[in-house]
Amino acid sequence: MSESQGTQSQGTESRGTQPRGEELDAIRKRRGELRERYLRSGAARSATPTRGFHHVALICRDVEETIEFYQEFLGAPLVELVENRDYAGSSHFFFDMGGRNLLGFFDFPGHPHPDFSETIGAVQHIALSTPKERFAEIKAKLDAAGVDYLGPDRGIEDSLYIRDPNGVGLEFYAEELGVFNGTELLAD
């Protein structure tokens, strides 16, 4: 396991100072206005125009290191490895993340690959719905491998966060799909 596979900060060093006082009050007021204007109950929502994510595509530094992490360490099966259709020499590969969800990666030989930065357009983290019994197994596996993680703590007992070898944040979330903090967000 490389040092980049764990984290204590999850990118918080790049976030700056959290708002306080009047600034924080204004942000919370604006959020309330947005909820009032845009958040609709299940019956009032329009039908979603897609079936869901076919795959999420990310960039990796090293194909083999990424396969070893996702398949050999986490247990997500590699289901395809082909050449990228529009970049000669680049690999495009997919892992089965459960629930008919795929996580895809590209490598781009010849491109510079800067370290992760928590900024606009970056992936802050991917939350993976994890059965409670598997959550404990994953935590034990991370502990045994000496991988740093954040959580379960801060009053949140059902989440833990790591970074993969590419700096991608992963949250193992002991919650059902379509549910957030015990509240069902999506109806069948």
C-alpha atoms as a PDB file:
ATOM      1  CA  MET A   1       0.000   0.000   0.000  1.00  0.00           C
ATOM      2  CA  SER A   2       1.407   3.402  -0.885  1.00  0.00           C
ATOM      3  CA  GLU A   3       1.255   6.484   1.322  1.00  0.00           C
ATOM      4  CA  SER A   4      -1.228   8.071  -1.073  1.00  0.00           C
ATOM      5  CA  GLN A   5      -3.804   5.398  -0.242  1.00  0.00           C
ATOM      6  CA  GLY A   6      -4.707   6.770   3.146  1.00  0.00           C
ATOM      7  CA  THR A   7      -5.501  10.167   4.493  1.00  0.00           C
ATOM      8  CA  GLN A   8      -6.064  12.024   7.670  1.00  0.00           C
ATOM      9  CA  SER A   9      -7.056  15.295   6.065  1.00  0.00           C
ATOM     10  CA  GLN A  10      -9.115  14.328   2.998  1.00  0.00           C
ATOM     11  CA  GLY A  11      -7.972  17.528   1.323  1.00  0.00           C
ATOM     12  CA  THR A  12      -8.996  19.878   4.127  1.00  0.00           C
ATOM     13  CA  GLU A  13      -5.657  21.653   3.928  1.00  0.00           C
ATOM     14  CA  SER A  14      -6.772  23.253   0.653  1.00  0.00           C
ATOM     15  CA  ARG A  15     -10.185  24.411   1.863  1.00  0.00           C
ATOM     16  CA  GLY A  16      -9.213  27.663   3.549  1.00  0.00           C
ATOM     17  CA  THR A  17     -11.037  29.175   6.492  1.00  0.00           C
ATOM     18  CA  GLN A  18     -14.583  28.068   7.241  1.00  0.00           C
ATOM     19  CA  PRO A  19     -17.171  30.865   7.285  1.00  0.00           C
ATOM     20  CA  ARG A  20     -18.395  32.168  10.653  1.00  0.00           C
ATOM     21  CA  GLY A  21     -20.800  34.722  12.037  1.00  0.00           C
ATOM     22  CA  GLU A  22     -22.769  36.790   9.548  1.00  0.00           C
ATOM     23  CA  GLU A  23     -21.085  35.141   6.576  1.00  0.00           C
ATOM     24  CA  LEU A  24     -22.157  31.684   7.825  1.00  0.00           C
ATOM     25  CA  ASP A  25     -25.681  32.955   8.571  1.00  0.00           C
ATOM     26  CA  ALA A  26     -25.971  34.312   5.008  1.00  0.00           C
ATOM     27  CA  ILE A  27     -24.822  30.999   3.512  1.00  0.00           C
ATOM     28  CA  ARG A  28     -27.358  29.064   5.583  1.00  0.00           C
ATOM     29  CA  LYS A  29     -30.122  31.497   4.633  1.00  0.00           C
ATOM     30  CA  ARG A  30     -29.254  31.103   0.944  1.00  0.00           C
ATOM     31  CA  ARG A  31     -29.296  27.304   1.263  1.00  0.00           C
ATOM     32  CA  GLY A  32     -32.770  27.515   2.782  1.00  0.00           C
ATOM     33  CA  GLU A  33     -33.940  29.684  -0.104  1.00  0.00           C
ATOM     34  CA  LEU A  34     -32.543  27.182  -2.619  1.00  0.00           C
ATOM     35  CA  ARG A  35     -34.237  24.264  -0.821  1.00  0.00           C
ATOM     36  CA  GLU A  36     -37.540  26.144  -0.852  1.00  0.00           C
ATOM     37  CA  ARG A  37     -37.240  27.038  -4.526  1.00  0.00           C
ATOM     38  CA  TYR A  38     -35.874  23.794  -6.018  1.00  0.00           C
ATOM     39  CA  LEU A  39     -36.345  20.791  -3.707  1.00  0.00           C
ATOM     40  CA  ARG A  40     -39.482  18.862  -4.642  1.00  0.00           C
ATOM     41  CA  SER A  41     -41.138  15.936  -2.880  1.00  0.00           C
ATOM     42  CA  GLY A  42     -41.118  12.533  -4.592  1.00  0.00           C
ATOM     43  CA  ALA A  43     -44.570  12.907  -6.181  1.00  0.00           C
ATOM     44  CA  ALA A  44     -43.754  16.379  -7.527  1.00  0.00           C
ATOM     45  CA  ARG A  45     -40.423  15.381  -9.079  1.00  0.00           C
ATOM     46  CA  SER A  46     -40.108  14.874 -12.816  1.00  0.00           C
ATOM     47  CA  ALA A  47     -38.977  11.489 -14.089  1.00  0.00           C
ATOM     48  CA  THR A  48     -35.215  11.119 -14.297  1.00  0.00           C
ATOM     49  CA  PRO A  49     -34.202  11.080 -17.991  1.00  0.00           C
ATOM     50  CA  THR A  50     -31.476   8.415 -17.575  1.00  0.00           C
ATOM     51  CA  ARG A  51     -31.152   4.934 -16.040  1.00  0.00           C
ATOM     52  CA  GLY A  52     -28.246   6.050 -13.863  1.00  0.00           C
ATOM     53  CA  PHE A  53     -24.492   6.164 -14.192  1.00  0.00           C
ATOM     54  CA  HIS A  54     -23.144   3.707 -16.737  1.00  0.00           C
ATOM     55  CA  HIS A  55     -19.722   4.406 -15.293  1.00  0.00           C
ATOM     56  CA  VAL A  56     -17.756   7.114 -13.600  1.00  0.00           C
ATOM     57  CA  ALA A  57     -14.442   7.632 -15.423  1.00  0.00           C
ATOM     58  CA  LEU A  58     -11.357   8.770 -13.545  1.00  0.00           C
ATOM     59  CA  ILE A  59      -7.682   9.137 -14.413  1.00  0.00           C
ATOM     60  CA  CYS A  60      -5.002   6.965 -12.865  1.00  0.00           C
ATOM     61  CA  ARG A  61      -1.227   7.283 -12.664  1.00  0.00           C
ATOM     62  CA  ASP A  62      -0.486   3.565 -12.946  1.00  0.00           C
ATOM     63  CA  VAL A  63      -2.813   0.899 -14.350  1.00  0.00           C
ATOM     64  CA  GLU A  64      -1.361  -2.026 -12.389  1.00  0.00           C
ATOM     65  CA  GLU A  65      -1.256  -0.135  -9.082  1.00  0.00           C
ATOM     66  CA  THR A  66      -4.906   0.832  -9.575  1.00  0.00           C
ATOM     67  CA  ILE A  67      -5.932  -2.769 -10.389  1.00  0.00           C
ATOM     68  CA  GLU A  68      -4.027  -4.071  -7.361  1.00  0.00           C
ATOM     69  CA  PHE A  69      -5.807  -1.586  -5.112  1.00  0.00           C
ATOM     70  CA  TYR A  70      -9.384  -1.996  -6.376  1.00  0.00           C
ATOM     71  CA  GLN A  71      -9.387  -5.709  -7.195  1.00  0.00           C
ATOM     72  CA  GLU A  72      -6.693  -7.327  -5.111  1.00  0.00           C
ATOM     73  CA  PHE A  73      -7.081  -5.168  -1.975  1.00  0.00           C
ATOM     74  CA  LEU A  74     -10.708  -3.961  -1.988  1.00  0.00           C
ATOM     75  CA  GLY A  75     -12.146  -6.948  -3.874  1.00  0.00           C
ATOM     76  CA  ALA A  76     -13.922  -5.076  -6.710  1.00  0.00           C
ATOM     77  CA  PRO A  77     -13.577  -7.336  -9.785  1.00  0.00           C
ATOM     78  CA  LEU A  78     -11.843  -5.990 -12.870  1.00  0.00           C
ATOM     79  CA  VAL A  79     -14.337  -6.635 -15.688  1.00  0.00           C
ATOM     80  CA  GLU A  80     -12.663  -5.052 -18.737  1.00  0.00           C
ATOM     81  CA  LEU A  81      -9.274  -3.693 -19.829  1.00  0.00           C
ATOM     82  CA  VAL A  82      -8.983  -2.276 -23.369  1.00  0.00           C
ATOM     83  CA  GLU A  83      -7.205   0.478 -25.255  1.00  0.00           C
ATOM     84  CA  ASN A  84      -8.877   3.877 -25.053  1.00  0.00           C
ATOM     85  CA  ARG A  85     -10.827   4.600 -28.250  1.00  0.00           C
ATOM     86  CA  ASP A  86      -9.446   8.102 -28.738  1.00  0.00           C
ATOM     87  CA  TYR A  87      -5.910   8.129 -27.263  1.00  0.00           C
ATOM     88  CA  ALA A  88      -3.317   5.653 -28.600  1.00  0.00           C
ATOM     89  CA  GLY A  89      -1.622   3.663 -25.856  1.00  0.00           C
ATOM     90  CA  SER A  90      -4.074   4.735 -23.163  1.00  0.00           C
ATOM     91  CA  SER A  91      -5.884   2.021 -21.212  1.00  0.00           C
ATOM     92  CA  HIS A  92      -9.575   2.150 -20.303  1.00  0.00           C
ATOM     93  CA  PHE A  93     -10.628  -0.333 -17.642  1.00  0.00           C
ATOM     94  CA  PHE A  94     -13.609  -1.009 -15.421  1.00  0.00           C
ATOM     95  CA  PHE A  95     -14.373  -2.432 -11.984  1.00  0.00           C
ATOM     96  CA  ASP A  96     -17.693  -3.896 -10.858  1.00  0.00           C
ATOM     97  CA  MET A  97     -18.722  -1.782  -7.853  1.00  0.00           C
ATOM     98  CA  GLY A  98     -21.993  -3.669  -7.247  1.00  0.00           C
ATOM     99  CA  GLY A  99     -25.562  -2.738  -8.153  1.00  0.00           C
ATOM    100  CA  ARG A 100     -24.647  -2.757 -11.893  1.00  0.00           C
ATOM    101  CA  ASN A 101     -22.361   0.244 -11.268  1.00  0.00           C
ATOM    102  CA  LEU A 102     -19.000   0.488 -12.981  1.00  0.00           C
ATOM    103  CA  LEU A 103     -15.974   2.523 -11.952  1.00  0.00           C
ATOM    104  CA  GLY A 104     -13.748   3.242 -14.929  1.00  0.00           C
ATOM    105  CA  PHE A 105     -10.209   4.528 -15.231  1.00  0.00           C
ATOM    106  CA  PHE A 106      -8.001   5.866 -17.997  1.00  0.00           C
ATOM    107  CA  ASP A 107      -4.285   6.316 -17.980  1.00  0.00           C
ATOM    108  CA  PHE A 108      -2.824   8.861 -20.369  1.00  0.00           C
ATOM    109  CA  PRO A 109       0.827   8.020 -21.073  1.00  0.00           C
ATOM    110  CA  GLY A 110       2.769  11.195 -21.750  1.00  0.00           C
ATOM    111  CA  HIS A 111       0.461  13.467 -19.769  1.00  0.00           C
ATOM    112  CA  PRO A 112       1.652  15.092 -16.562  1.00  0.00           C
ATOM    113  CA  HIS A 113      -0.281  13.826 -13.574  1.00  0.00           C
ATOM    114  CA  PRO A 114      -0.297  16.406 -10.772  1.00  0.00           C
ATOM    115  CA  ASP A 115      -1.313  15.339  -7.278  1.00  0.00           C
ATOM    116  CA  PHE A 116      -4.937  15.593  -6.172  1.00  0.00           C
ATOM    117  CA  SER A 117      -6.246  19.063  -5.511  1.00  0.00           C
ATOM    118  CA  GLU A 118      -9.606  19.782  -3.916  1.00  0.00           C
ATOM    119  CA  THR A 119     -10.927  22.326  -6.370  1.00  0.00           C
ATOM    120  CA  ILE A 120     -13.819  23.068  -8.703  1.00  0.00           C
ATOM    121  CA  GLY A 121     -14.346  20.165 -11.104  1.00  0.00           C
ATOM    122  CA  ALA A 122     -12.353  17.682  -9.042  1.00  0.00           C
ATOM    123  CA  VAL A 123     -13.915  14.599  -7.489  1.00  0.00           C
ATOM    124  CA  GLN A 124     -14.121  15.316  -3.743  1.00  0.00           C
ATOM    125  CA  HIS A 125     -15.032  11.690  -3.033  1.00  0.00           C
ATOM    126  CA  ILE A 126     -17.102   8.774  -4.265  1.00  0.00           C
ATOM    127  CA  ALA A 127     -19.444   7.318  -1.634  1.00  0.00           C
ATOM    128  CA  LEU A 128     -19.784   3.542  -1.856  1.00  0.00           C
ATOM    129  CA  SER A 129     -22.882   1.973  -0.288  1.00  0.00           C
ATOM    130  CA  THR A 130     -21.408  -0.671   1.984  1.00  0.00           C
ATOM    131  CA  PRO A 131     -23.376  -3.360   3.863  1.00  0.00           C
ATOM    132  CA  LYS A 132     -22.819  -3.060   7.625  1.00  0.00           C
ATOM    133  CA  GLU A 133     -21.072  -6.453   7.855  1.00  0.00           C
ATOM    134  CA  ARG A 134     -18.714  -5.522   5.011  1.00  0.00           C
ATOM    135  CA  PHE A 135     -18.066  -2.101   6.590  1.00  0.00           C
ATOM    136  CA  ALA A 136     -16.445  -3.808   9.598  1.00  0.00           C
ATOM    137  CA  GLU A 137     -14.433  -6.085   7.281  1.00  0.00           C
ATOM    138  CA  ILE A 138     -13.148  -3.124   5.262  1.00  0.00           C
ATOM    139  CA  LYS A 139     -12.163  -1.241   8.421  1.00  0.00           C
ATOM    140  CA  ALA A 140     -10.296  -4.317   9.705  1.00  0.00           C
ATOM    141  CA  LYS A 141      -8.548  -4.749   6.328  1.00  0.00           C
ATOM    142  CA  LEU A 142      -7.453  -1.098   6.330  1.00  0.00           C
ATOM    143  CA  ASP A 143      -6.201  -1.443   9.909  1.00  0.00           C
ATOM    144  CA  ALA A 144      -4.262  -4.629   9.082  1.00  0.00           C
ATOM    145  CA  ALA A 145      -2.653  -2.974   6.045  1.00  0.00           C
ATOM    146  CA  GLY A 146      -1.763   0.186   7.994  1.00  0.00           C
ATOM    147  CA  VAL A 147      -3.847   2.408   5.706  1.00  0.00           C
ATOM    148  CA  ASP A 148      -4.782   5.732   7.283  1.00  0.00           C
ATOM    149  CA  TYR A 149      -8.428   6.701   7.122  1.00  0.00           C
ATOM    150  CA  LEU A 150     -10.770   9.297   8.484  1.00  0.00           C
ATOM    151  CA  GLY A 151     -13.749   8.014  10.487  1.00  0.00           C
ATOM    152  CA  PRO A 152     -15.817   6.582  11.864  1.00  0.00           C
ATOM    153  CA  ASP A 153     -15.687   9.618  14.098  1.00  0.00           C
ATOM    154  CA  ARG A 154     -17.070  13.135  14.452  1.00  0.00           C
ATOM    155  CA  GLY A 155     -20.396  11.605  15.491  1.00  0.00           C
ATOM    156  CA  ILE A 156     -20.642   9.797  12.160  1.00  0.00           C
ATOM    157  CA  GLU A 157     -20.354   6.089  12.872  1.00  0.00           C
ATOM    158  CA  ASP A 158     -21.268   4.778   9.432  1.00  0.00           C
ATOM    159  CA  SER A 159     -18.598   6.384   7.210  1.00  0.00           C
ATOM    160  CA  LEU A 160     -14.886   6.097   6.703  1.00  0.00           C
ATOM    161  CA  TYR A 161     -12.757   7.820   4.089  1.00  0.00           C
ATOM    162  CA  ILE A 162      -9.536   6.896   2.304  1.00  0.00           C
ATOM    163  CA  ARG A 163      -7.717   7.935  -0.845  1.00  0.00           C
ATOM    164  CA  ASP A 164      -6.897   5.460  -3.579  1.00  0.00           C
ATOM    165  CA  PRO A 165      -3.391   5.384  -5.127  1.00  0.00           C
ATOM    166  CA  ASN A 166      -4.446   8.212  -7.468  1.00  0.00           C
ATOM    167  CA  GLY A 167      -5.712  10.529  -4.742  1.00  0.00           C
ATOM    168  CA  VAL A 168      -9.396   9.754  -5.418  1.00  0.00           C
ATOM    169  CA  GLY A 169     -11.395  10.035  -2.208  1.00  0.00           C
ATOM    170  CA  LEU A 170     -13.506   6.998  -1.379  1.00  0.00           C
ATOM    171  CA  GLU A 171     -16.134   6.908   1.332  1.00  0.00           C
ATOM    172  CA  PHE A 172     -17.330   3.559   2.602  1.00  0.00           C
ATOM    173  CA  TYR A 173     -20.849   4.446   3.714  1.00  0.00           C
ATOM    174  CA  ALA A 174     -22.864   1.874   5.672  1.00  0.00           C
ATOM    175  CA  GLU A 175     -26.146   3.043   4.165  1.00  0.00           C
ATOM    176  CA  GLU A 176     -28.563   1.715   1.563  1.00  0.00           C
ATOM    177  CA  LEU A 177     -28.518   3.086  -1.973  1.00  0.00           C
ATOM    178  CA  GLY A 178     -30.798   6.105  -2.324  1.00  0.00           C
ATOM    179  CA  VAL A 179     -30.754   6.817   1.432  1.00  0.00           C
ATOM    180  CA  PHE A 180     -28.835   9.630   3.153  1.00  0.00           C
ATOM    181  CA  ASN A 181     -28.484   9.877   6.935  1.00  0.00           C
ATOM    182  CA  GLY A 182     -31.369   7.444   7.356  1.00  0.00           C
ATOM    183  CA  THR A 183     -33.708   9.430   5.093  1.00  0.00           C
ATOM    184  CA  GLU A 184     -34.923   7.765   1.915  1.00  0.00           C
ATOM    185  CA  LEU A 185     -34.246  10.184  -0.926  1.00  0.00           C
ATOM    186  CA  LEU A 186     -35.336   7.950  -3.783  1.00  0.00           C
ATOM    187  CA  ALA A 187     -38.503   5.893  -4.144  1.00  0.00           C
ATOM    188  CA  ASP A 188     -38.456   2.639  -6.092  1.00  0.00           C
END
